[in-house]
mmCIF file of all heavy atoms, coordinates in Angstrom:
data_MODEL
# 
_entry.id   MODEL 
# 
loop_
_atom_site.group_PDB 
_atom_site.id 
_atom_site.type_symbol 
_atom_site.label_atom_id 
_atom_site.label_alt_id 
_atom_site.label_comp_id 
_atom_site.label_asym_id 
_atom_site.label_entity_id 
_atom_site.label_seq_id 
_atom_site.pdbx_PDB_ins_code 
_atom_site.Cartn_x 
_atom_site.Cartn_y 
_atom_site.Cartn_z 
_atom_site.occupancy 
_atom_site.B_iso_or_equiv 
_atom_site.pdbx_formal_charge 
_atom_site.auth_seq_id 
_atom_site.auth_comp_id 
_atom_site.auth_asym_id 
_atom_site.auth_atom_id 
_atom_site.pdbx_PDB_model_num 
ATOM 1   N N   . LYS A 1 1  ? 97.591  41.757 -25.668 1.00 0.00 ? 1  LYS A N   1 
ATOM 2   C CA  . LYS A 1 1  ? 98.217  40.894 -26.559 1.00 0.00 ? 1  LYS A CA  1 
ATOM 3   C C   . LYS A 1 1  ? 97.578  39.543 -26.516 1.00 0.00 ? 1  LYS A C   1 
ATOM 4   O O   . LYS A 1 1  ? 96.915  39.133 -25.533 1.00 0.00 ? 1  LYS A O   1 
ATOM 5   C CB  . LYS A 1 1  ? 99.654  40.766 -26.215 1.00 0.00 ? 1  LYS A CB  1 
ATOM 6   C CG  . LYS A 1 1  ? 100.405 42.067 -26.011 1.00 0.00 ? 1  LYS A CG  1 
ATOM 7   C CD  . LYS A 1 1  ? 101.885 41.788 -25.450 1.00 0.00 ? 1  LYS A CD  1 
ATOM 8   C CE  . LYS A 1 1  ? 102.628 43.023 -25.299 1.00 0.00 ? 1  LYS A CE  1 
ATOM 9   N NZ  . LYS A 1 1  ? 104.007 42.858 -24.740 1.00 0.00 ? 1  LYS A NZ  1 
ATOM 10  N N   . ALA A 1 2  ? 97.865  38.742 -27.599 1.00 0.00 ? 2  ALA A N   1 
ATOM 11  C CA  . ALA A 1 2  ? 97.377  37.325 -27.709 1.00 0.00 ? 2  ALA A CA  1 
ATOM 12  C C   . ALA A 1 2  ? 97.774  36.507 -26.431 1.00 0.00 ? 2  ALA A C   1 
ATOM 13  O O   . ALA A 1 2  ? 96.965  35.711 -25.997 1.00 0.00 ? 2  ALA A O   1 
ATOM 14  C CB  . ALA A 1 2  ? 97.760  36.769 -28.916 1.00 0.00 ? 2  ALA A CB  1 
ATOM 15  N N   . GLU A 1 3  ? 98.927  36.728 -25.972 1.00 0.00 ? 3  GLU A N   1 
ATOM 16  C CA  . GLU A 1 3  ? 99.404  35.995 -24.846 1.00 0.00 ? 3  GLU A CA  1 
ATOM 17  C C   . GLU A 1 3  ? 98.692  36.354 -23.454 1.00 0.00 ? 3  GLU A C   1 
ATOM 18  O O   . GLU A 1 3  ? 98.888  35.649 -22.376 1.00 0.00 ? 3  GLU A O   1 
ATOM 19  C CB  . GLU A 1 3  ? 100.877 36.110 -24.632 1.00 0.00 ? 3  GLU A CB  1 
ATOM 20  C CG  . GLU A 1 3  ? 101.410 37.497 -24.624 1.00 0.00 ? 3  GLU A CG  1 
ATOM 21  C CD  . GLU A 1 3  ? 101.932 38.039 -25.876 1.00 0.00 ? 3  GLU A CD  1 
ATOM 22  O OE1 . GLU A 1 3  ? 101.363 37.679 -26.979 1.00 0.00 ? 3  GLU A OE1 1 
ATOM 23  O OE2 . GLU A 1 3  ? 102.991 38.627 -25.894 1.00 0.00 ? 3  GLU A OE2 1 
ATOM 24  N N   . ASP A 1 4  ? 97.858  37.388 -23.475 1.00 0.00 ? 4  ASP A N   1 
ATOM 25  C CA  . ASP A 1 4  ? 97.036  37.752 -22.365 1.00 0.00 ? 4  ASP A CA  1 
ATOM 26  C C   . ASP A 1 4  ? 95.854  36.816 -22.275 1.00 0.00 ? 4  ASP A C   1 
ATOM 27  O O   . ASP A 1 4  ? 95.098  36.919 -21.215 1.00 0.00 ? 4  ASP A O   1 
ATOM 28  C CB  . ASP A 1 4  ? 96.633  39.158 -22.340 1.00 0.00 ? 4  ASP A CB  1 
ATOM 29  C CG  . ASP A 1 4  ? 97.794  40.205 -22.308 1.00 0.00 ? 4  ASP A CG  1 
ATOM 30  O OD1 . ASP A 1 4  ? 98.806  39.914 -21.454 1.00 0.00 ? 4  ASP A OD1 1 
ATOM 31  O OD2 . ASP A 1 4  ? 97.902  41.164 -22.977 1.00 0.00 ? 4  ASP A OD2 1 
ATOM 32  N N   . THR A 1 5  ? 95.525  36.046 -23.268 1.00 0.00 ? 5  THR A N   1 
ATOM 33  C CA  . THR A 1 5  ? 94.407  35.184 -23.316 1.00 0.00 ? 5  THR A CA  1 
ATOM 34  C C   . THR A 1 5  ? 94.512  34.222 -22.095 1.00 0.00 ? 5  THR A C   1 
ATOM 35  O O   . THR A 1 5  ? 95.440  33.447 -22.009 1.00 0.00 ? 5  THR A O   1 
ATOM 36  C CB  . THR A 1 5  ? 94.324  34.502 -24.545 1.00 0.00 ? 5  THR A CB  1 
ATOM 37  O OG1 . THR A 1 5  ? 94.068  35.371 -25.626 1.00 0.00 ? 5  THR A OG1 1 
ATOM 38  C CG2 . THR A 1 5  ? 93.153  33.458 -24.584 1.00 0.00 ? 5  THR A CG2 1 
ATOM 39  N N   . ALA A 1 6  ? 93.610  34.218 -21.208 1.00 0.00 ? 6  ALA A N   1 
ATOM 40  C CA  . ALA A 1 6  ? 93.547  33.423 -20.061 1.00 0.00 ? 6  ALA A CA  1 
ATOM 41  C C   . ALA A 1 6  ? 92.241  33.506 -19.224 1.00 0.00 ? 6  ALA A C   1 
ATOM 42  O O   . ALA A 1 6  ? 91.444  34.502 -19.586 1.00 0.00 ? 6  ALA A O   1 
ATOM 43  C CB  . ALA A 1 6  ? 94.720  33.734 -19.127 1.00 0.00 ? 6  ALA A CB  1 
ATOM 44  N N   . MET A 1 7  ? 92.049  32.639 -18.238 1.00 0.00 ? 7  MET A N   1 
ATOM 45  C CA  . MET A 1 7  ? 90.980  32.939 -17.258 1.00 0.00 ? 7  MET A CA  1 
ATOM 46  C C   . MET A 1 7  ? 91.602  33.820 -16.120 1.00 0.00 ? 7  MET A C   1 
ATOM 47  O O   . MET A 1 7  ? 92.792  33.522 -15.617 1.00 0.00 ? 7  MET A O   1 
ATOM 48  C CB  . MET A 1 7  ? 90.554  31.567 -16.737 1.00 0.00 ? 7  MET A CB  1 
ATOM 49  C CG  . MET A 1 7  ? 89.288  31.749 -15.774 1.00 0.00 ? 7  MET A CG  1 
ATOM 50  S SD  . MET A 1 7  ? 87.795  32.087 -16.658 1.00 0.00 ? 7  MET A SD  1 
ATOM 51  C CE  . MET A 1 7  ? 87.484  30.488 -17.385 1.00 0.00 ? 7  MET A CE  1 
ATOM 52  N N   . TYR A 1 8  ? 90.936  34.857 -15.913 1.00 0.00 ? 8  TYR A N   1 
ATOM 53  C CA  . TYR A 1 8  ? 91.419  35.803 -14.823 1.00 0.00 ? 8  TYR A CA  1 
ATOM 54  C C   . TYR A 1 8  ? 90.659  35.610 -13.520 1.00 0.00 ? 8  TYR A C   1 
ATOM 55  O O   . TYR A 1 8  ? 89.421  35.696 -13.554 1.00 0.00 ? 8  TYR A O   1 
ATOM 56  C CB  . TYR A 1 8  ? 91.302  37.173 -15.365 1.00 0.00 ? 8  TYR A CB  1 
ATOM 57  C CG  . TYR A 1 8  ? 92.368  37.586 -16.369 1.00 0.00 ? 8  TYR A CG  1 
ATOM 58  C CD1 . TYR A 1 8  ? 92.294  37.048 -17.632 1.00 0.00 ? 8  TYR A CD1 1 
ATOM 59  C CD2 . TYR A 1 8  ? 93.407  38.270 -16.080 1.00 0.00 ? 8  TYR A CD2 1 
ATOM 60  C CE1 . TYR A 1 8  ? 93.336  37.319 -18.533 1.00 0.00 ? 8  TYR A CE1 1 
ATOM 61  C CE2 . TYR A 1 8  ? 94.360  38.706 -16.987 1.00 0.00 ? 8  TYR A CE2 1 
ATOM 62  C CZ  . TYR A 1 8  ? 94.324  38.170 -18.250 1.00 0.00 ? 8  TYR A CZ  1 
ATOM 63  O OH  . TYR A 1 8  ? 95.359  38.439 -19.140 1.00 0.00 ? 8  TYR A OH  1 
ATOM 64  N N   . TYR A 1 9  ? 91.330  35.610 -12.423 1.00 0.00 ? 9  TYR A N   1 
ATOM 65  C CA  . TYR A 1 9  ? 90.766  35.513 -11.171 1.00 0.00 ? 9  TYR A CA  1 
ATOM 66  C C   . TYR A 1 9  ? 91.234  36.572 -10.230 1.00 0.00 ? 9  TYR A C   1 
ATOM 67  O O   . TYR A 1 9  ? 92.368  37.030 -10.301 1.00 0.00 ? 9  TYR A O   1 
ATOM 68  C CB  . TYR A 1 9  ? 91.145  34.150 -10.495 1.00 0.00 ? 9  TYR A CB  1 
ATOM 69  C CG  . TYR A 1 9  ? 90.891  32.921 -11.301 1.00 0.00 ? 9  TYR A CG  1 
ATOM 70  C CD1 . TYR A 1 9  ? 91.761  32.470 -12.187 1.00 0.00 ? 9  TYR A CD1 1 
ATOM 71  C CD2 . TYR A 1 9  ? 89.680  32.235 -11.033 1.00 0.00 ? 9  TYR A CD2 1 
ATOM 72  C CE1 . TYR A 1 9  ? 91.463  31.237 -13.000 1.00 0.00 ? 9  TYR A CE1 1 
ATOM 73  C CE2 . TYR A 1 9  ? 89.428  31.019 -11.867 1.00 0.00 ? 9  TYR A CE2 1 
ATOM 74  C CZ  . TYR A 1 9  ? 90.318  30.572 -12.735 1.00 0.00 ? 9  TYR A CZ  1 
ATOM 75  O OH  . TYR A 1 9  ? 89.968  29.479 -13.493 1.00 0.00 ? 9  TYR A OH  1 
ATOM 76  N N   . CYS A 1 10 ? 90.307  36.985 -9.358  1.00 0.00 ? 10 CYS A N   1 
ATOM 77  C CA  . CYS A 1 10 ? 90.785  37.900 -8.213  1.00 0.00 ? 10 CYS A CA  1 
ATOM 78  C C   . CYS A 1 10 ? 90.813  36.963 -6.920  1.00 0.00 ? 10 CYS A C   1 
ATOM 79  O O   . CYS A 1 10 ? 90.178  36.054 -6.810  1.00 0.00 ? 10 CYS A O   1 
ATOM 80  C CB  . CYS A 1 10 ? 89.946  39.156 -8.059  1.00 0.00 ? 10 CYS A CB  1 
ATOM 81  S SG  . CYS A 1 10 ? 88.111  38.687 -7.596  1.00 0.00 ? 10 CYS A SG  1 
ATOM 82  N N   . ALA A 1 11 ? 91.628  37.483 -5.974  1.00 0.00 ? 11 ALA A N   1 
ATOM 83  C CA  . ALA A 1 11 ? 91.828  36.883 -4.744  1.00 0.00 ? 11 ALA A CA  1 
ATOM 84  C C   . ALA A 1 11 ? 91.919  37.747 -3.589  1.00 0.00 ? 11 ALA A C   1 
ATOM 85  O O   . ALA A 1 11 ? 92.430  38.863 -3.705  1.00 0.00 ? 11 ALA A O   1 
ATOM 86  C CB  . ALA A 1 11 ? 93.192  36.014 -4.809  1.00 0.00 ? 11 ALA A CB  1 
ATOM 87  N N   . ALA A 1 12 ? 91.443  37.308 -2.400  1.00 0.00 ? 12 ALA A N   1 
ATOM 88  C CA  . ALA A 1 12 ? 91.507  38.001 -1.236  1.00 0.00 ? 12 ALA A CA  1 
ATOM 89  C C   . ALA A 1 12 ? 91.793  37.168 -0.035  1.00 0.00 ? 12 ALA A C   1 
ATOM 90  O O   . ALA A 1 12 ? 91.927  35.948 -0.147  1.00 0.00 ? 12 ALA A O   1 
ATOM 91  C CB  . ALA A 1 12 ? 90.177  38.826 -1.027  1.00 0.00 ? 12 ALA A CB  1 
ATOM 92  N N   . ARG A 1 13 ? 91.719  37.747 1.079   1.00 0.00 ? 13 ARG A N   1 
ATOM 93  C CA  . ARG A 1 13 ? 91.980  37.005 2.352   1.00 0.00 ? 13 ARG A CA  1 
ATOM 94  C C   . ARG A 1 13 ? 90.832  37.360 3.227   1.00 0.00 ? 13 ARG A C   1 
ATOM 95  O O   . ARG A 1 13 ? 90.355  38.422 3.401   1.00 0.00 ? 13 ARG A O   1 
ATOM 96  C CB  . ARG A 1 13 ? 93.230  37.599 3.102   1.00 0.00 ? 13 ARG A CB  1 
ATOM 97  C CG  . ARG A 1 13 ? 94.525  37.276 2.162   1.00 0.00 ? 13 ARG A CG  1 
ATOM 98  C CD  . ARG A 1 13 ? 95.637  38.096 2.771   1.00 0.00 ? 13 ARG A CD  1 
ATOM 99  N NE  . ARG A 1 13 ? 96.900  37.678 2.210   1.00 0.00 ? 13 ARG A NE  1 
ATOM 100 C CZ  . ARG A 1 13 ? 97.453  38.182 1.016   1.00 0.00 ? 13 ARG A CZ  1 
ATOM 101 N NH1 . ARG A 1 13 ? 96.709  39.167 0.385   1.00 0.00 ? 13 ARG A NH1 1 
ATOM 102 N NH2 . ARG A 1 13 ? 98.532  37.797 0.553   1.00 0.00 ? 13 ARG A NH2 1 
ATOM 103 N N   . ARG A 1 14 ? 90.393  36.309 4.050   1.00 0.00 ? 14 ARG A N   1 
ATOM 104 C CA  . ARG A 1 14 ? 89.446  36.569 5.135   1.00 0.00 ? 14 ARG A CA  1 
ATOM 105 C C   . ARG A 1 14 ? 90.042  37.332 6.239   1.00 0.00 ? 14 ARG A C   1 
ATOM 106 O O   . ARG A 1 14 ? 89.467  38.106 6.865   1.00 0.00 ? 14 ARG A O   1 
ATOM 107 C CB  . ARG A 1 14 ? 88.896  35.236 5.607   1.00 0.00 ? 14 ARG A CB  1 
ATOM 108 C CG  . ARG A 1 14 ? 87.930  34.496 4.603   1.00 0.00 ? 14 ARG A CG  1 
ATOM 109 C CD  . ARG A 1 14 ? 87.315  33.355 5.206   1.00 0.00 ? 14 ARG A CD  1 
ATOM 110 N NE  . ARG A 1 14 ? 86.372  32.751 4.320   1.00 0.00 ? 14 ARG A NE  1 
ATOM 111 C CZ  . ARG A 1 14 ? 86.742  31.689 3.432   1.00 0.00 ? 14 ARG A CZ  1 
ATOM 112 N NH1 . ARG A 1 14 ? 87.971  31.291 3.296   1.00 0.00 ? 14 ARG A NH1 1 
ATOM 113 N NH2 . ARG A 1 14 ? 85.753  31.254 2.691   1.00 0.00 ? 14 ARG A NH2 1 
ATOM 114 N N   . SER A 1 15 ? 91.449  37.069 6.389   1.00 0.00 ? 15 SER A N   1 
ATOM 115 C CA  . SER A 1 15 ? 92.136  37.789 7.453   1.00 0.00 ? 15 SER A CA  1 
ATOM 116 C C   . SER A 1 15 ? 92.421  39.169 7.082   1.00 0.00 ? 15 SER A C   1 
ATOM 117 O O   . SER A 1 15 ? 92.698  39.477 5.800   1.00 0.00 ? 15 SER A O   1 
ATOM 118 C CB  . SER A 1 15 ? 93.473  36.991 7.740   1.00 0.00 ? 15 SER A CB  1 
ATOM 119 O OG  . SER A 1 15 ? 94.249  37.748 8.501   1.00 0.00 ? 15 SER A OG  1 
ATOM 120 N N   . PRO A 1 16 ? 92.451  40.133 8.010   1.00 0.00 ? 16 PRO A N   1 
ATOM 121 C CA  . PRO A 1 16 ? 92.991  41.440 7.663   1.00 0.00 ? 16 PRO A CA  1 
ATOM 122 C C   . PRO A 1 16 ? 94.447  41.541 7.641   1.00 0.00 ? 16 PRO A C   1 
ATOM 123 O O   . PRO A 1 16 ? 94.923  42.654 7.280   1.00 0.00 ? 16 PRO A O   1 
ATOM 124 C CB  . PRO A 1 16 ? 92.423  42.365 8.882   1.00 0.00 ? 16 PRO A CB  1 
ATOM 125 C CG  . PRO A 1 16 ? 92.410  41.367 10.046  1.00 0.00 ? 16 PRO A CG  1 
ATOM 126 C CD  . PRO A 1 16 ? 91.992  40.018 9.515   1.00 0.00 ? 16 PRO A CD  1 
ATOM 127 N N   . PHE A 1 17 ? 95.107  40.511 7.962   1.00 0.00 ? 17 PHE A N   1 
ATOM 128 C CA  . PHE A 1 17 ? 96.647  40.550 7.905   1.00 0.00 ? 17 PHE A CA  1 
ATOM 129 C C   . PHE A 1 17 ? 97.125  40.002 6.532   1.00 0.00 ? 17 PHE A C   1 
ATOM 130 O O   . PHE A 1 17 ? 96.855  38.915 6.041   1.00 0.00 ? 17 PHE A O   1 
ATOM 131 C CB  . PHE A 1 17 ? 97.195  39.683 8.976   1.00 0.00 ? 17 PHE A CB  1 
ATOM 132 C CG  . PHE A 1 17 ? 96.751  40.134 10.378  1.00 0.00 ? 17 PHE A CG  1 
ATOM 133 C CD1 . PHE A 1 17 ? 95.748  39.378 10.998  1.00 0.00 ? 17 PHE A CD1 1 
ATOM 134 C CD2 . PHE A 1 17 ? 97.297  41.242 10.919  1.00 0.00 ? 17 PHE A CD2 1 
ATOM 135 C CE1 . PHE A 1 17 ? 95.370  39.793 12.333  1.00 0.00 ? 17 PHE A CE1 1 
ATOM 136 C CE2 . PHE A 1 17 ? 96.849  41.629 12.227  1.00 0.00 ? 17 PHE A CE2 1 
ATOM 137 C CZ  . PHE A 1 17 ? 95.916  40.989 12.854  1.00 0.00 ? 17 PHE A CZ  1 
ATOM 138 N N   . CYS A 1 18 ? 97.847  40.906 5.951   1.00 0.00 ? 18 CYS A N   1 
ATOM 139 C CA  . CYS A 1 18 ? 98.370  40.616 4.570   1.00 0.00 ? 18 CYS A CA  1 
ATOM 140 C C   . CYS A 1 18 ? 99.509  39.536 4.512   1.00 0.00 ? 18 CYS A C   1 
ATOM 141 O O   . CYS A 1 18 ? 99.857  39.136 3.382   1.00 0.00 ? 18 CYS A O   1 
ATOM 142 C CB  . CYS A 1 18 ? 98.924  41.907 3.961   1.00 0.00 ? 18 CYS A CB  1 
ATOM 143 S SG  . CYS A 1 18 ? 97.628  43.234 3.719   1.00 0.00 ? 18 CYS A SG  1 
ATOM 144 N N   . GLY A 1 19 ? 99.969  39.206 5.580   1.00 0.00 ? 19 GLY A N   1 
ATOM 145 C CA  . GLY A 1 19 ? 100.984 38.051 5.687   1.00 0.00 ? 19 GLY A CA  1 
ATOM 146 C C   . GLY A 1 19 ? 100.378 36.730 5.408   1.00 0.00 ? 19 GLY A C   1 
ATOM 147 O O   . GLY A 1 19 ? 101.102 35.807 5.211   1.00 0.00 ? 19 GLY A O   1 
ATOM 148 N N   . THR A 1 20 ? 99.056  36.625 5.426   1.00 0.00 ? 20 THR A N   1 
ATOM 149 C CA  . THR A 1 20 ? 98.467  35.378 5.301   1.00 0.00 ? 20 THR A CA  1 
ATOM 150 C C   . THR A 1 20 ? 98.283  35.019 3.779   1.00 0.00 ? 20 THR A C   1 
ATOM 151 O O   . THR A 1 20 ? 98.385  35.864 2.910   1.00 0.00 ? 20 THR A O   1 
ATOM 152 C CB  . THR A 1 20 ? 97.062  35.297 6.049   1.00 0.00 ? 20 THR A CB  1 
ATOM 153 O OG1 . THR A 1 20 ? 96.271  36.263 5.519   1.00 0.00 ? 20 THR A OG1 1 
ATOM 154 C CG2 . THR A 1 20 ? 97.259  35.555 7.495   1.00 0.00 ? 20 THR A CG2 1 
ATOM 155 N N   . GLN A 1 21 ? 97.931  33.783 3.627   1.00 0.00 ? 21 GLN A N   1 
ATOM 156 C CA  . GLN A 1 21 ? 97.705  33.386 2.198   1.00 0.00 ? 21 GLN A CA  1 
ATOM 157 C C   . GLN A 1 21 ? 96.346  33.817 1.530   1.00 0.00 ? 21 GLN A C   1 
ATOM 158 O O   . GLN A 1 21 ? 95.433  33.967 2.483   1.00 0.00 ? 21 GLN A O   1 
ATOM 159 C CB  . GLN A 1 21 ? 97.860  31.798 1.945   1.00 0.00 ? 21 GLN A CB  1 
ATOM 160 C CG  . GLN A 1 21 ? 99.252  31.258 2.452   1.00 0.00 ? 21 GLN A CG  1 
ATOM 161 C CD  . GLN A 1 21 ? 100.313 31.750 1.461   1.00 0.00 ? 21 GLN A CD  1 
ATOM 162 O OE1 . GLN A 1 21 ? 100.131 31.729 0.193   1.00 0.00 ? 21 GLN A OE1 1 
ATOM 163 N NE2 . GLN A 1 21 ? 101.460 32.240 1.882   1.00 0.00 ? 21 GLN A NE2 1 
ATOM 164 N N   . TYR A 1 22 ? 96.253  33.916 0.351   1.00 0.00 ? 22 TYR A N   1 
ATOM 165 C CA  . TYR A 1 22 ? 94.984  34.127 -0.343  1.00 0.00 ? 22 TYR A CA  1 
ATOM 166 C C   . TYR A 1 22 ? 94.142  32.897 0.059   1.00 0.00 ? 22 TYR A C   1 
ATOM 167 O O   . TYR A 1 22 ? 94.552  31.747 -0.176  1.00 0.00 ? 22 TYR A O   1 
ATOM 168 C CB  . TYR A 1 22 ? 95.148  34.324 -1.740  1.00 0.00 ? 22 TYR A CB  1 
ATOM 169 C CG  . TYR A 1 22 ? 95.723  35.624 -2.248  1.00 0.00 ? 22 TYR A CG  1 
ATOM 170 C CD1 . TYR A 1 22 ? 96.963  35.710 -2.907  1.00 0.00 ? 22 TYR A CD1 1 
ATOM 171 C CD2 . TYR A 1 22 ? 95.069  36.872 -2.050  1.00 0.00 ? 22 TYR A CD2 1 
ATOM 172 C CE1 . TYR A 1 22 ? 97.472  36.822 -3.365  1.00 0.00 ? 22 TYR A CE1 1 
ATOM 173 C CE2 . TYR A 1 22 ? 95.666  38.012 -2.524  1.00 0.00 ? 22 TYR A CE2 1 
ATOM 174 C CZ  . TYR A 1 22 ? 96.826  37.997 -3.057  1.00 0.00 ? 22 TYR A CZ  1 
ATOM 175 O OH  . TYR A 1 22 ? 97.392  39.168 -3.532  1.00 0.00 ? 22 TYR A OH  1 
ATOM 176 N N   . ASN A 1 23 ? 92.943  33.261 0.431   1.00 0.00 ? 23 ASN A N   1 
ATOM 177 C CA  . ASN A 1 23 ? 92.031  32.072 0.637   1.00 0.00 ? 23 ASN A CA  1 
ATOM 178 C C   . ASN A 1 23 ? 90.577  32.285 0.202   1.00 0.00 ? 23 ASN A C   1 
ATOM 179 O O   . ASN A 1 23 ? 89.767  31.579 0.564   1.00 0.00 ? 23 ASN A O   1 
ATOM 180 C CB  . ASN A 1 23 ? 92.047  31.673 2.135   1.00 0.00 ? 23 ASN A CB  1 
ATOM 181 C CG  . ASN A 1 23 ? 91.695  32.752 3.076   1.00 0.00 ? 23 ASN A CG  1 
ATOM 182 O OD1 . ASN A 1 23 ? 91.251  33.793 2.658   1.00 0.00 ? 23 ASN A OD1 1 
ATOM 183 N ND2 . ASN A 1 23 ? 91.853  32.540 4.427   1.00 0.00 ? 23 ASN A ND2 1 
ATOM 184 N N   . VAL A 1 24 ? 90.450  33.353 -0.586  1.00 0.00 ? 24 VAL A N   1 
ATOM 185 C CA  . VAL A 1 24 ? 89.095  33.584 -1.161  1.00 0.00 ? 24 VAL A CA  1 
ATOM 186 C C   . VAL A 1 24 ? 89.239  33.946 -2.534  1.00 0.00 ? 24 VAL A C   1 
ATOM 187 O O   . VAL A 1 24 ? 90.070  34.684 -2.936  1.00 0.00 ? 24 VAL A O   1 
ATOM 188 C CB  . VAL A 1 24 ? 88.263  34.788 -0.493  1.00 0.00 ? 24 VAL A CB  1 
ATOM 189 C CG1 . VAL A 1 24 ? 86.864  34.959 -1.088  1.00 0.00 ? 24 VAL A CG1 1 
ATOM 190 C CG2 . VAL A 1 24 ? 88.205  34.570 1.051   1.00 0.00 ? 24 VAL A CG2 1 
ATOM 191 N N   . TRP A 1 25 ? 88.648  33.203 -3.478  1.00 0.00 ? 25 TRP A N   1 
ATOM 192 C CA  . TRP A 1 25 ? 88.885  33.291 -4.861  1.00 0.00 ? 25 TRP A CA  1 
ATOM 193 C C   . TRP A 1 25 ? 87.494  33.304 -5.607  1.00 0.00 ? 25 TRP A C   1 
ATOM 194 O O   . TRP A 1 25 ? 86.476  32.894 -5.219  1.00 0.00 ? 25 TRP A O   1 
ATOM 195 C CB  . TRP A 1 25 ? 89.536  31.973 -5.429  1.00 0.00 ? 25 TRP A CB  1 
ATOM 196 C CG  . TRP A 1 25 ? 90.891  31.765 -4.855  1.00 0.00 ? 25 TRP A CG  1 
ATOM 197 C CD1 . TRP A 1 25 ? 91.241  31.208 -3.665  1.00 0.00 ? 25 TRP A CD1 1 
ATOM 198 C CD2 . TRP A 1 25 ? 92.136  32.215 -5.515  1.00 0.00 ? 25 TRP A CD2 1 
ATOM 199 N NE1 . TRP A 1 25 ? 92.656  31.221 -3.537  1.00 0.00 ? 25 TRP A NE1 1 
ATOM 200 C CE2 . TRP A 1 25 ? 93.212  31.780 -4.618  1.00 0.00 ? 25 TRP A CE2 1 
ATOM 201 C CE3 . TRP A 1 25 ? 92.416  32.770 -6.734  1.00 0.00 ? 25 TRP A CE3 1 
ATOM 202 C CZ2 . TRP A 1 25 ? 94.522  32.031 -4.919  1.00 0.00 ? 25 TRP A CZ2 1 
ATOM 203 C CZ3 . TRP A 1 25 ? 93.790  33.041 -6.983  1.00 0.00 ? 25 TRP A CZ3 1 
ATOM 204 C CH2 . TRP A 1 25 ? 94.695  32.642 -6.123  1.00 0.00 ? 25 TRP A CH2 1 
# 
């Protein structure tokens, strides 16, 4: 849809623990 227009980013963590914040973009 038109409202999907955006810049898209993926994100990950250096840590193997999913409770941490995203810190790789």
